[in-house]
Amino acid sequence: MFPCVQLRLPAGNLRERSLRQIWEESPLWLELMHLTMNDLDICRTCELQSLCLRCHGLARLEDGDLRGPARAKCTEALARRQVLMEKGALPQDYPVPRHLSAVRPVGTGVE
């Protein structure tokens, strides 16, 4: 049994243990359930945190680090920032986080 399609780390085997046992006792599940923004060094200080739909599985798949940023989600958050700035919902000088300064959303002419 895997936590999700992106996070291909086994949490347990349903042929050996019940779903309840895996859910309550698997070290992987326990780690995932207790991860908070404070555990994510880059994400916890990111200005786009409120625009991001971060995924632990994608972060691990992309860079091998469950606690690192998921670059695909960072890029999506950057695109949301751009749209919100264009619609006037965010100020034009809304900051781009340092870890994303080299990334630009599609359609800005600076790809």
PDB file of N, CA and C in Angstrom:
ATOM      1  N   MET A   1       0.842  -1.165   0.000  1.00  0.00           N
ATOM      2  CA  MET A   1       0.000   0.000   0.000  1.00  0.00           C
ATOM      3  C   MET A   1       0.895   1.238   0.000  1.00  0.00           C
ATOM      4  N   PHE A   2       0.557   2.187  -0.883  1.00  0.00           N
ATOM      5  CA  PHE A   2       1.304   3.429  -1.004  1.00  0.00           C
ATOM      6  C   PHE A   2       0.412   4.595  -0.571  1.00  0.00           C
ATOM      7  N   PRO A   3       0.986   5.652  -0.006  1.00  0.00           N
ATOM      8  CA  PRO A   3       0.192   6.795   0.443  1.00  0.00           C
ATOM      9  C   PRO A   3      -0.569   7.494  -0.696  1.00  0.00           C
ATOM     10  N   CYS A   4       0.072   7.584  -1.880  1.00  0.00           N
ATOM     11  CA  CYS A   4      -0.590   8.200  -3.027  1.00  0.00           C
ATOM     12  C   CYS A   4       0.160   7.796  -4.289  1.00  0.00           C
ATOM     13  N   VAL A   5      -0.357   8.184  -5.448  1.00  0.00           N
ATOM     14  CA  VAL A   5       0.286   7.793  -6.701  1.00  0.00           C
ATOM     15  C   VAL A   5       1.630   8.483  -6.895  1.00  0.00           C
ATOM     16  N   GLN A   6       1.843   9.628  -6.294  1.00  0.00           N
ATOM     17  CA  GLN A   6       3.113  10.344  -6.428  1.00  0.00           C
ATOM     18  C   GLN A   6       4.171   9.854  -5.443  1.00  0.00           C
ATOM     19  N   LEU A   7       3.741   9.385  -4.314  1.00  0.00           N
ATOM     20  CA  LEU A   7       4.679   8.962  -3.269  1.00  0.00           C
ATOM     21  C   LEU A   7       4.756   7.437  -3.258  1.00  0.00           C
ATOM     22  N   ARG A   8       5.709   6.921  -4.004  1.00  0.00           N
ATOM     23  CA  ARG A   8       5.825   5.477  -4.193  1.00  0.00           C
ATOM     24  C   ARG A   8       6.727   4.824  -3.148  1.00  0.00           C
ATOM     25  N   LEU A   9       6.462   5.131  -1.899  1.00  0.00           N
ATOM     26  CA  LEU A   9       7.130   4.476  -0.780  1.00  0.00           C
ATOM     27  C   LEU A   9       6.101   3.576  -0.115  1.00  0.00           C
ATOM     28  N   PRO A  10       6.409   2.315   0.101  1.00  0.00           N
ATOM     29  CA  PRO A  10       5.416   1.421   0.707  1.00  0.00           C
ATOM     30  C   PRO A  10       5.137   1.785   2.168  1.00  0.00           C
ATOM     31  N   ALA A  11       3.854   1.896   2.477  1.00  0.00           N
ATOM     32  CA  ALA A  11       3.438   2.181   3.848  1.00  0.00           C
ATOM     33  C   ALA A  11       3.107   0.899   4.592  1.00  0.00           C
ATOM     34  N   GLY A  12       2.813  -0.153   3.855  1.00  0.00           N
ATOM     35  CA  GLY A  12       2.479  -1.423   4.477  1.00  0.00           C
ATOM     36  C   GLY A  12       1.910  -2.382   3.453  1.00  0.00           C
ATOM     37  N   ASN A  13       1.716  -3.626   3.878  1.00  0.00           N
ATOM     38  CA  ASN A  13       1.189  -4.669   3.014  1.00  0.00           C
ATOM     39  C   ASN A  13      -0.146  -5.132   3.573  1.00  0.00           C
ATOM     40  N   LEU A  14      -1.205  -4.956   2.795  1.00  0.00           N
ATOM     41  CA  LEU A  14      -2.549  -5.325   3.251  1.00  0.00           C
ATOM     42  C   LEU A  14      -2.734  -6.835   3.389  1.00  0.00           C
ATOM     43  N   ARG A  15      -1.834  -7.606   2.837  1.00  0.00           N
ATOM     44  CA  ARG A  15      -1.899  -9.058   3.009  1.00  0.00           C
ATOM     45  C   ARG A  15      -1.324  -9.477   4.363  1.00  0.00           C
ATOM     46  N   GLU A  16      -0.576  -8.575   4.959  1.00  0.00           N
ATOM     47  CA  GLU A  16       0.073  -8.895   6.237  1.00  0.00           C
ATOM     48  C   GLU A  16      -0.549  -8.171   7.424  1.00  0.00           C
ATOM     49  N   ARG A  17      -1.120  -6.987   7.169  1.00  0.00           N
ATOM     50  CA  ARG A  17      -1.672  -6.174   8.252  1.00  0.00           C
ATOM     51  C   ARG A  17      -2.962  -5.520   7.786  1.00  0.00           C
ATOM     52  N   SER A  18      -3.796  -5.157   8.732  1.00  0.00           N
ATOM     53  CA  SER A  18      -5.056  -4.484   8.382  1.00  0.00           C
ATOM     54  C   SER A  18      -4.779  -3.024   8.020  1.00  0.00           C
ATOM     55  N   LEU A  19      -5.721  -2.440   7.306  1.00  0.00           N
ATOM     56  CA  LEU A  19      -5.614  -1.026   6.953  1.00  0.00           C
ATOM     57  C   LEU A  19      -5.479  -0.182   8.217  1.00  0.00           C
ATOM     58  N   ARG A  20      -6.247  -0.499   9.215  1.00  0.00           N
ATOM     59  CA  ARG A  20      -6.175   0.235  10.483  1.00  0.00           C
ATOM     60  C   ARG A  20      -4.773   0.161  11.098  1.00  0.00           C
ATOM     61  N   GLN A  21      -4.176  -1.040  11.096  1.00  0.00           N
ATOM     62  CA  GLN A  21      -2.830  -1.192  11.650  1.00  0.00           C
ATOM     63  C   GLN A  21      -1.814  -0.366  10.868  1.00  0.00           C
ATOM     64  N   ILE A  22      -1.922  -0.430   9.540  1.00  0.00           N
ATOM     65  CA  ILE A  22      -0.992   0.344   8.707  1.00  0.00           C
ATOM     66  C   ILE A  22      -1.184   1.829   8.973  1.00  0.00           C
ATOM     67  N   TRP A  23      -2.426   2.279   8.992  1.00  0.00           N
ATOM     68  CA  TRP A  23      -2.742   3.691   9.207  1.00  0.00           C
ATOM     69  C   TRP A  23      -2.221   4.185  10.551  1.00  0.00           C
ATOM     70  N   GLU A  24      -2.382   3.388  11.583  1.00  0.00           N
ATOM     71  CA  GLU A  24      -2.022   3.813  12.935  1.00  0.00           C
ATOM     72  C   GLU A  24      -0.566   3.529  13.319  1.00  0.00           C
ATOM     73  N   GLU A  25       0.105   2.593  12.614  1.00  0.00           N
ATOM     74  CA  GLU A  25       1.422   2.165  13.067  1.00  0.00           C
ATOM     75  C   GLU A  25       2.546   2.328  12.049  1.00  0.00           C
ATOM     76  N   SER A  26       2.230   2.533  10.791  1.00  0.00           N
ATOM     77  CA  SER A  26       3.276   2.636   9.772  1.00  0.00           C
ATOM     78  C   SER A  26       4.140   3.866  10.025  1.00  0.00           C
ATOM     79  N   PRO A  27       5.464   3.683  10.101  1.00  0.00           N
ATOM     80  CA  PRO A  27       6.349   4.841  10.289  1.00  0.00           C
ATOM     81  C   PRO A  27       6.161   5.903   9.194  1.00  0.00           C
ATOM     82  N   LEU A  28       5.919   5.464   7.966  1.00  0.00           N
ATOM     83  CA  LEU A  28       5.719   6.413   6.876  1.00  0.00           C
ATOM     84  C   LEU A  28       4.450   7.230   7.084  1.00  0.00           C
ATOM     85  N   TRP A  29       3.343   6.562   7.396  1.00  0.00           N
ATOM     86  CA  TRP A  29       2.086   7.290   7.645  1.00  0.00           C
ATOM     87  C   TRP A  29       2.248   8.262   8.802  1.00  0.00           C
ATOM     88  N   LEU A  30       2.897   7.803   9.860  1.00  0.00           N
ATOM     89  CA  LEU A  30       3.085   8.667  11.024  1.00  0.00           C
ATOM     90  C   LEU A  30       3.900   9.904  10.657  1.00  0.00           C
ATOM     91  N   GLU A  31       4.951   9.708   9.851  1.00  0.00           N
ATOM     92  CA  GLU A  31       5.753  10.838   9.414  1.00  0.00           C
ATOM     93  C   GLU A  31       4.917  11.814   8.587  1.00  0.00           C
ATOM     94  N   LEU A  32       4.159  11.289   7.639  1.00  0.00           N
ATOM     95  CA  LEU A  32       3.347  12.150   6.772  1.00  0.00           C
ATOM     96  C   LEU A  32       2.262  12.885   7.545  1.00  0.00           C
ATOM     97  N   MET A  33       1.626  12.201   8.464  1.00  0.00           N
ATOM     98  CA  MET A  33       0.544  12.817   9.233  1.00  0.00           C
ATOM     99  C   MET A  33       1.038  13.947  10.125  1.00  0.00           C
ATOM    100  N   HIS A  34       2.296  13.863  10.521  1.00  0.00           N
ATOM    101  CA  HIS A  34       2.821  14.870  11.443  1.00  0.00           C
ATOM    102  C   HIS A  34       3.653  15.957  10.770  1.00  0.00           C
ATOM    103  N   LEU A  35       3.804  15.883   9.451  1.00  0.00           N
ATOM    104  CA  LEU A  35       4.526  16.939   8.744  1.00  0.00           C
ATOM    105  C   LEU A  35       3.716  18.231   8.790  1.00  0.00           C
ATOM    106  N   THR A  36       4.370  19.298   9.172  1.00  0.00           N
ATOM    107  CA  THR A  36       3.720  20.605   9.165  1.00  0.00           C
ATOM    108  C   THR A  36       4.573  21.573   8.355  1.00  0.00           C
ATOM    109  N   MET A  37       4.060  22.738   8.099  1.00  0.00           N
ATOM    110  CA  MET A  37       4.796  23.740   7.350  1.00  0.00           C
ATOM    111  C   MET A  37       6.122  24.061   8.037  1.00  0.00           C
ATOM    112  N   ASN A  38       6.161  23.980   9.348  1.00  0.00           N
ATOM    113  CA  ASN A  38       7.407  24.258  10.077  1.00  0.00           C
ATOM    114  C   ASN A  38       8.511  23.252   9.766  1.00  0.00           C
ATOM    115  N   ASP A  39       8.142  22.082   9.246  1.00  0.00           N
ATOM    116  CA  ASP A  39       9.119  21.064   8.881  1.00  0.00           C
ATOM    117  C   ASP A  39       9.705  21.281   7.483  1.00  0.00           C
ATOM    118  N   LEU A  40       9.162  22.239   6.750  1.00  0.00           N
ATOM    119  CA  LEU A  40       9.547  22.465   5.358  1.00  0.00           C
ATOM    120  C   LEU A  40      10.351  23.749   5.259  1.00  0.00           C
ATOM    121  N   ASP A  41      11.664  23.625   5.313  1.00  0.00           N
ATOM    122  CA  ASP A  41      12.560  24.782   5.412  1.00  0.00           C
ATOM    123  C   ASP A  41      12.291  25.864   4.376  1.00  0.00           C
ATOM    124  N   ILE A  42      12.168  25.507   3.121  1.00  0.00           N
ATOM    125  CA  ILE A  42      11.962  26.515   2.080  1.00  0.00           C
ATOM    126  C   ILE A  42      10.504  26.978   2.049  1.00  0.00           C
ATOM    127  N   CYS A  43       9.587  26.044   2.106  1.00  0.00           N
ATOM    128  CA  CYS A  43       8.160  26.373   1.978  1.00  0.00           C
ATOM    129  C   CYS A  43       7.641  27.251   3.121  1.00  0.00           C
ATOM    130  N   ARG A  44       8.150  27.049   4.321  1.00  0.00           N
ATOM    131  CA  ARG A  44       7.609  27.797   5.459  1.00  0.00           C
ATOM    132  C   ARG A  44       7.872  29.301   5.367  1.00  0.00           C
ATOM    133  N   THR A  45       8.879  29.703   4.589  1.00  0.00           N
ATOM    134  CA  THR A  45       9.177  31.128   4.460  1.00  0.00           C
ATOM    135  C   THR A  45       8.801  31.683   3.077  1.00  0.00           C
ATOM    136  N   CYS A  46       8.182  30.864   2.253  1.00  0.00           N
ATOM    137  CA  CYS A  46       7.861  31.266   0.876  1.00  0.00           C
ATOM    138  C   CYS A  46       6.684  32.244   0.844  1.00  0.00           C
ATOM    139  N   GLU A  47       6.856  33.330   0.105  1.00  0.00           N
ATOM    140  CA  GLU A  47       5.816  34.349  -0.040  1.00  0.00           C
ATOM    141  C   GLU A  47       4.594  33.826  -0.786  1.00  0.00           C
ATOM    142  N   LEU A  48       4.749  32.740  -1.533  1.00  0.00           N
ATOM    143  CA  LEU A  48       3.634  32.192  -2.312  1.00  0.00           C
ATOM    144  C   LEU A  48       2.921  31.047  -1.597  1.00  0.00           C
ATOM    145  N   GLN A  49       3.221  30.845  -0.344  1.00  0.00           N
ATOM    146  CA  GLN A  49       2.644  29.755   0.432  1.00  0.00           C
ATOM    147  C   GLN A  49       1.119  29.677   0.301  1.00  0.00           C
ATOM    148  N   SER A  50       0.449  30.822   0.348  1.00  0.00           N
ATOM    149  CA  SER A  50      -1.019  30.825   0.284  1.00  0.00           C
ATOM    150  C   SER A  50      -1.545  30.512  -1.117  1.00  0.00           C
ATOM    151  N   LEU A  51      -0.687  30.535  -2.122  1.00  0.00           N
ATOM    152  CA  LEU A  51      -1.091  30.248  -3.502  1.00  0.00           C
ATOM    153  C   LEU A  51      -0.649  28.861  -3.950  1.00  0.00           C
ATOM    154  N   CYS A  52      -0.008  28.134  -3.069  1.00  0.00           N
ATOM    155  CA  CYS A  52       0.621  26.859  -3.425  1.00  0.00           C
ATOM    156  C   CYS A  52      -0.209  25.661  -2.952  1.00  0.00           C
ATOM    157  N   LEU A  53      -0.279  24.655  -3.805  1.00  0.00           N
ATOM    158  CA  LEU A  53      -0.932  23.389  -3.460  1.00  0.00           C
ATOM    159  C   LEU A  53       0.157  22.312  -3.371  1.00  0.00           C
ATOM    160  N   ARG A  54       1.066  22.495  -2.434  1.00  0.00           N
ATOM    161  CA  ARG A  54       2.255  21.660  -2.293  1.00  0.00           C
ATOM    162  C   ARG A  54       1.911  20.180  -2.166  1.00  0.00           C
ATOM    163  N   CYS A  55       2.787  19.351  -2.712  1.00  0.00           N
ATOM    164  CA  CYS A  55       2.605  17.895  -2.681  1.00  0.00           C
ATOM    165  C   CYS A  55       3.894  17.243  -2.187  1.00  0.00           C
ATOM    166  N   HIS A  56       3.814  16.529  -1.074  1.00  0.00           N
ATOM    167  CA  HIS A  56       4.985  15.839  -0.530  1.00  0.00           C
ATOM    168  C   HIS A  56       5.541  14.838  -1.550  1.00  0.00           C
ATOM    169  N   GLY A  57       4.640  14.107  -2.204  1.00  0.00           N
ATOM    170  CA  GLY A  57       5.053  13.093  -3.164  1.00  0.00           C
ATOM    171  C   GLY A  57       5.805  13.681  -4.344  1.00  0.00           C
ATOM    172  N   LEU A  58       5.300  14.783  -4.889  1.00  0.00           N
ATOM    173  CA  LEU A  58       5.991  15.429  -6.002  1.00  0.00           C
ATOM    174  C   LEU A  58       7.351  15.962  -5.575  1.00  0.00           C
ATOM    175  N   ALA A  59       7.423  16.512  -4.383  1.00  0.00           N
ATOM    176  CA  ALA A  59       8.702  17.019  -3.881  1.00  0.00           C
ATOM    177  C   ALA A  59       9.727  15.890  -3.847  1.00  0.00           C
ATOM    178  N   ARG A  60       9.336  14.748  -3.346  1.00  0.00           N
ATOM    179  CA  ARG A  60      10.263  13.607  -3.281  1.00  0.00           C
ATOM    180  C   ARG A  60      10.583  13.083  -4.676  1.00  0.00           C
ATOM    181  N   LEU A  61       9.594  13.018  -5.541  1.00  0.00           N
ATOM    182  CA  LEU A  61       9.799  12.526  -6.897  1.00  0.00           C
ATOM    183  C   LEU A  61      10.759  13.416  -7.680  1.00  0.00           C
ATOM    184  N   GLU A  62      10.607  14.710  -7.525  1.00  0.00           N
ATOM    185  CA  GLU A  62      11.428  15.663  -8.279  1.00  0.00           C
ATOM    186  C   GLU A  62      12.863  15.751  -7.771  1.00  0.00           C
ATOM    187  N   ASP A  63      13.022  15.853  -6.467  1.00  0.00           N
ATOM    188  CA  ASP A  63      14.352  16.118  -5.906  1.00  0.00           C
ATOM    189  C   ASP A  63      14.815  15.104  -4.863  1.00  0.00           C
ATOM    190  N   GLY A  64      13.993  14.104  -4.588  1.00  0.00           N
ATOM    191  CA  GLY A  64      14.365  13.113  -3.594  1.00  0.00           C
ATOM    192  C   GLY A  64      14.191  13.577  -2.161  1.00  0.00           C
ATOM    193  N   ASP A  65      13.549  14.722  -1.968  1.00  0.00           N
ATOM    194  CA  ASP A  65      13.398  15.288  -0.626  1.00  0.00           C
ATOM    195  C   ASP A  65      11.927  15.536  -0.311  1.00  0.00           C
ATOM    196  N   LEU A  66      11.393  14.735   0.578  1.00  0.00           N
ATOM    197  CA  LEU A  66      10.000  14.849   0.995  1.00  0.00           C
ATOM    198  C   LEU A  66       9.685  16.220   1.584  1.00  0.00           C
ATOM    199  N   ARG A  67      10.681  16.849   2.169  1.00  0.00           N
ATOM    200  CA  ARG A  67      10.491  18.137   2.837  1.00  0.00           C
ATOM    201  C   ARG A  67      10.902  19.340   1.982  1.00  0.00           C
ATOM    202  N   GLY A  68      11.357  19.088   0.786  1.00  0.00           N
ATOM    203  CA  GLY A  68      11.755  20.174  -0.103  1.00  0.00           C
ATOM    204  C   GLY A  68      10.564  20.708  -0.885  1.00  0.00           C
ATOM    205  N   PRO A  69      10.778  21.766  -1.647  1.00  0.00           N
ATOM    206  CA  PRO A  69       9.691  22.302  -2.461  1.00  0.00           C
ATOM    207  C   PRO A  69       9.379  21.376  -3.635  1.00  0.00           C
ATOM    208  N   ALA A  70       8.128  21.306  -4.002  1.00  0.00           N
ATOM    209  CA  ALA A  70       7.715  20.585  -5.206  1.00  0.00           C
ATOM    210  C   ALA A  70       7.750  21.610  -6.334  1.00  0.00           C
ATOM    211  N   ARG A  71       8.766  21.538  -7.169  1.00  0.00           N
ATOM    212  CA  ARG A  71       8.987  22.577  -8.196  1.00  0.00           C
ATOM    213  C   ARG A  71       7.787  22.766  -9.113  1.00  0.00           C
ATOM    214  N   ALA A  72       7.098  21.687  -9.452  1.00  0.00           N
ATOM    215  CA  ALA A  72       5.908  21.827 -10.308  1.00  0.00           C
ATOM    216  C   ALA A  72       4.852  22.679  -9.617  1.00  0.00           C
ATOM    217  N   LYS A  73       4.687  22.485  -8.329  1.00  0.00           N
ATOM    218  CA  LYS A  73       3.707  23.273  -7.568  1.00  0.00           C
ATOM    219  C   LYS A  73       4.191  24.702  -7.369  1.00  0.00           C
ATOM    220  N   CYS A  74       5.501  24.891  -7.232  1.00  0.00           N
ATOM    221  CA  CYS A  74       6.060  26.241  -7.139  1.00  0.00           C
ATOM    222  C   CYS A  74       5.753  27.018  -8.423  1.00  0.00           C
ATOM    223  N   THR A  75       5.934  26.354  -9.553  1.00  0.00           N
ATOM    224  CA  THR A  75       5.675  26.994 -10.843  1.00  0.00           C
ATOM    225  C   THR A  75       4.200  27.353 -10.975  1.00  0.00           C
ATOM    226  N   GLU A  76       3.325  26.463 -10.517  1.00  0.00           N
ATOM    227  CA  GLU A  76       1.887  26.763 -10.537  1.00  0.00           C
ATOM    228  C   GLU A  76       1.570  27.967  -9.649  1.00  0.00           C
ATOM    229  N   ALA A  77       2.172  28.021  -8.480  1.00  0.00           N
ATOM    230  CA  ALA A  77       1.937  29.143  -7.562  1.00  0.00           C
ATOM    231  C   ALA A  77       2.431  30.447  -8.179  1.00  0.00           C
ATOM    232  N   LEU A  78       3.542  30.380  -8.876  1.00  0.00           N
ATOM    233  CA  LEU A  78       4.077  31.556  -9.552  1.00  0.00           C
ATOM    234  C   LEU A  78       3.113  32.023 -10.654  1.00  0.00           C
ATOM    235  N   ALA A  79       2.518  31.081 -11.362  1.00  0.00           N
ATOM    236  CA  ALA A  79       1.527  31.428 -12.391  1.00  0.00           C
ATOM    237  C   ALA A  79       0.282  32.050 -11.750  1.00  0.00           C
ATOM    238  N   ARG A  80      -0.161  31.511 -10.608  1.00  0.00           N
ATOM    239  CA  ARG A  80      -1.308  32.101  -9.891  1.00  0.00           C
ATOM    240  C   ARG A  80      -0.992  33.541  -9.477  1.00  0.00           C
ATOM    241  N   ARG A  81       0.229  33.744  -9.001  1.00  0.00           N
ATOM    242  CA  ARG A  81       0.668  35.090  -8.622  1.00  0.00           C
ATOM    243  C   ARG A  81       0.530  36.034  -9.801  1.00  0.00           C
ATOM    244  N   GLN A  82       0.995  35.600 -10.966  1.00  0.00           N
ATOM    245  CA  GLN A  82       0.945  36.437 -12.167  1.00  0.00           C
ATOM    246  C   GLN A  82      -0.501  36.788 -12.537  1.00  0.00           C
ATOM    247  N   VAL A  83      -1.371  35.806 -12.521  1.00  0.00           N
ATOM    248  CA  VAL A  83      -2.783  36.038 -12.860  1.00  0.00           C
ATOM    249  C   VAL A  83      -3.416  37.005 -11.864  1.00  0.00           C
ATOM    250  N   LEU A  84      -3.149  36.801 -10.579  1.00  0.00           N
ATOM    251  CA  LEU A  84      -3.727  37.678  -9.562  1.00  0.00           C
ATOM    252  C   LEU A  84      -3.193  39.100  -9.674  1.00  0.00           C
ATOM    253  N   MET A  85      -1.934  39.241 -10.060  1.00  0.00           N
ATOM    254  CA  MET A  85      -1.390  40.583 -10.285  1.00  0.00           C
ATOM    255  C   MET A  85      -2.071  41.229 -11.497  1.00  0.00           C
ATOM    256  N   GLU A  86      -2.262  40.466 -12.569  1.00  0.00           N
ATOM    257  CA  GLU A  86      -2.920  40.991 -13.764  1.00  0.00           C
ATOM    258  C   GLU A  86      -4.359  41.414 -13.486  1.00  0.00           C
ATOM    259  N   LYS A  87      -5.030  40.710 -12.580  1.00  0.00           N
ATOM    260  CA  LYS A  87      -6.412  41.030 -12.229  1.00  0.00           C
ATOM    261  C   LYS A  87      -6.508  42.105 -11.152  1.00  0.00           C
ATOM    262  N   GLY A  88      -5.372  42.551 -10.650  1.00  0.00           N
ATOM    263  CA  GLY A  88      -5.356  43.587  -9.632  1.00  0.00           C
ATOM    264  C   GLY A  88      -5.610  43.087  -8.223  1.00  0.00           C
ATOM    265  N   ALA A  89      -5.628  41.769  -8.034  1.00  0.00           N
ATOM    266  CA  ALA A  89      -5.867  41.202  -6.709  1.00  0.00           C
ATOM    267  C   ALA A  89      -4.592  41.171  -5.858  1.00  0.00           C
ATOM    268  N   LEU A  90      -3.450  41.298  -6.503  1.00  0.00           N
ATOM    269  CA  LEU A  90      -2.169  41.402  -5.811  1.00  0.00           C
ATOM    270  C   LEU A  90      -1.437  42.618  -6.366  1.00  0.00           C
ATOM    271  N   PRO A  91      -0.636  43.279  -5.542  1.00  0.00           N
ATOM    272  CA  PRO A  91       0.129  44.432  -6.044  1.00  0.00           C
ATOM    273  C   PRO A  91       1.151  43.994  -7.099  1.00  0.00           C
ATOM    274  N   GLN A  92       1.479  44.881  -8.002  1.00  0.00           N
ATOM    275  CA  GLN A  92       2.416  44.584  -9.086  1.00  0.00           C
ATOM    276  C   GLN A  92       3.816  44.238  -8.587  1.00  0.00           C
ATOM    277  N   ASP A  93       4.140  44.649  -7.393  1.00  0.00           N
ATOM    278  CA  ASP A  93       5.464  44.340  -6.856  1.00  0.00           C
ATOM    279  C   ASP A  93       5.438  43.153  -5.871  1.00  0.00           C
ATOM    280  N   TYR A  94       4.399  42.324  -5.966  1.00  0.00           N
ATOM    281  CA  TYR A  94       4.323  41.164  -5.084  1.00  0.00           C
ATOM    282  C   TYR A  94       5.582  40.323  -5.294  1.00  0.00           C
ATOM    283  N   PRO A  95       6.274  39.986  -4.223  1.00  0.00           N
ATOM    284  CA  PRO A  95       7.606  39.382  -4.366  1.00  0.00           C
ATOM    285  C   PRO A  95       7.610  37.982  -4.995  1.00  0.00           C
ATOM    286  N   VAL A  96       8.676  37.717  -5.700  1.00  0.00           N
ATOM    287  CA  VAL A  96       8.972  36.376  -6.190  1.00  0.00           C
ATOM    288  C   VAL A  96       9.950  35.783  -5.188  1.00  0.00           C
ATOM    289  N   PRO A  97       9.638  34.636  -4.605  1.00  0.00           N
ATOM    290  CA  PRO A  97      10.550  34.029  -3.637  1.00  0.00           C
ATOM    291  C   PRO A  97      11.931  33.787  -4.243  1.00  0.00           C
ATOM    292  N   ARG A  98      12.946  33.903  -3.428  1.00  0.00           N
ATOM    293  CA  ARG A  98      14.327  33.756  -3.895  1.00  0.00           C
ATOM    294  C   ARG A  98      14.554  32.416  -4.597  1.00  0.00           C
ATOM    295  N   HIS A  99      13.946  31.336  -4.064  1.00  0.00           N
ATOM    296  CA  HIS A  99      14.177  30.020  -4.676  1.00  0.00           C
ATOM    297  C   HIS A  99      13.491  29.879  -6.034  1.00  0.00           C
ATOM    298  N   LEU A 100      12.668  30.861  -6.410  1.00  0.00           N
ATOM    299  CA  LEU A 100      11.994  30.828  -7.707  1.00  0.00           C
ATOM    300  C   LEU A 100      12.407  31.975  -8.617  1.00  0.00           C
ATOM    301  N   SER A 101      13.415  32.703  -8.268  1.00  0.00           N
ATOM    302  CA  SER A 101      13.774  33.901  -9.039  1.00  0.00           C
ATOM    303  C   SER A 101      14.158  33.589 -10.475  1.00  0.00           C
ATOM    304  N   ALA A 102      14.609  32.377 -10.763  1.00  0.00           N
ATOM    305  CA  ALA A 102      14.972  32.012 -12.141  1.00  0.00           C
ATOM    306  C   ALA A 102      13.795  31.450 -12.922  1.00  0.00           C
ATOM    307  N   VAL A 103      12.657  31.227 -12.255  1.00  0.00           N
ATOM    308  CA  VAL A 103      11.482  30.625 -12.899  1.00  0.00           C
ATOM    309  C   VAL A 103      10.492  31.731 -13.254  1.00  0.00           C
ATOM    310  N   ARG A 104       9.920  31.659 -14.424  1.00  0.00           N
ATOM    311  CA  ARG A 104       8.886  32.618 -14.833  1.00  0.00           C
ATOM    312  C   ARG A 104       7.721  31.840 -15.414  1.00  0.00           C
ATOM    313  N   PRO A 105       6.485  32.232 -15.089  1.00  0.00           N
ATOM    314  CA  PRO A 105       5.338  31.514 -15.633  1.00  0.00           C
ATOM    315  C   PRO A 105       5.240  31.676 -17.146  1.00  0.00           C
ATOM    316  N   VAL A 106       4.628  30.711 -17.783  1.00  0.00           N
ATOM    317  CA  VAL A 106       4.406  30.740 -19.222  1.00  0.00           C
ATOM    318  C   VAL A 106       3.559  31.953 -19.586  1.00  0.00           C
ATOM    319  N   GLY A 107       3.890  32.587 -20.685  1.00  0.00           N
ATOM    320  CA  GLY A 107       3.093  33.710 -21.164  1.00  0.00           C
ATOM    321  C   GLY A 107       3.586  35.073 -20.704  1.00  0.00           C
ATOM    322  N   THR A 108       4.660  35.115 -19.920  1.00  0.00           N
ATOM    323  CA  THR A 108       5.159  36.415 -19.451  1.00  0.00           C
ATOM    324  C   THR A 108       6.214  36.977 -20.376  1.00  0.00           C
ATOM    325  N   GLY A 109       6.634  36.176 -21.372  1.00  0.00           N
ATOM    326  CA  GLY A 109       7.665  36.632 -22.286  1.00  0.00           C
ATOM    327  C   GLY A 109       9.072  36.492 -21.742  1.00  0.00           C
ATOM    328  N   VAL A 110       9.197  35.914 -20.551  1.00  0.00           N
ATOM    329  CA  VAL A 110      10.506  35.767 -19.918  1.00  0.00           C
ATOM    330  C   VAL A 110      10.744  34.297 -19.557  1.00  0.00           C
ATOM    331  N   GLU A 111      10.228  33.391 -20.389  1.00  0.00           N
ATOM    332  CA  GLU A 111      10.354  31.961 -20.079  1.00  0.00           C
ATOM    333  C   GLU A 111      11.753  31.461 -20.252  1.00  0.00           C
TER     334      GLU A 111
END
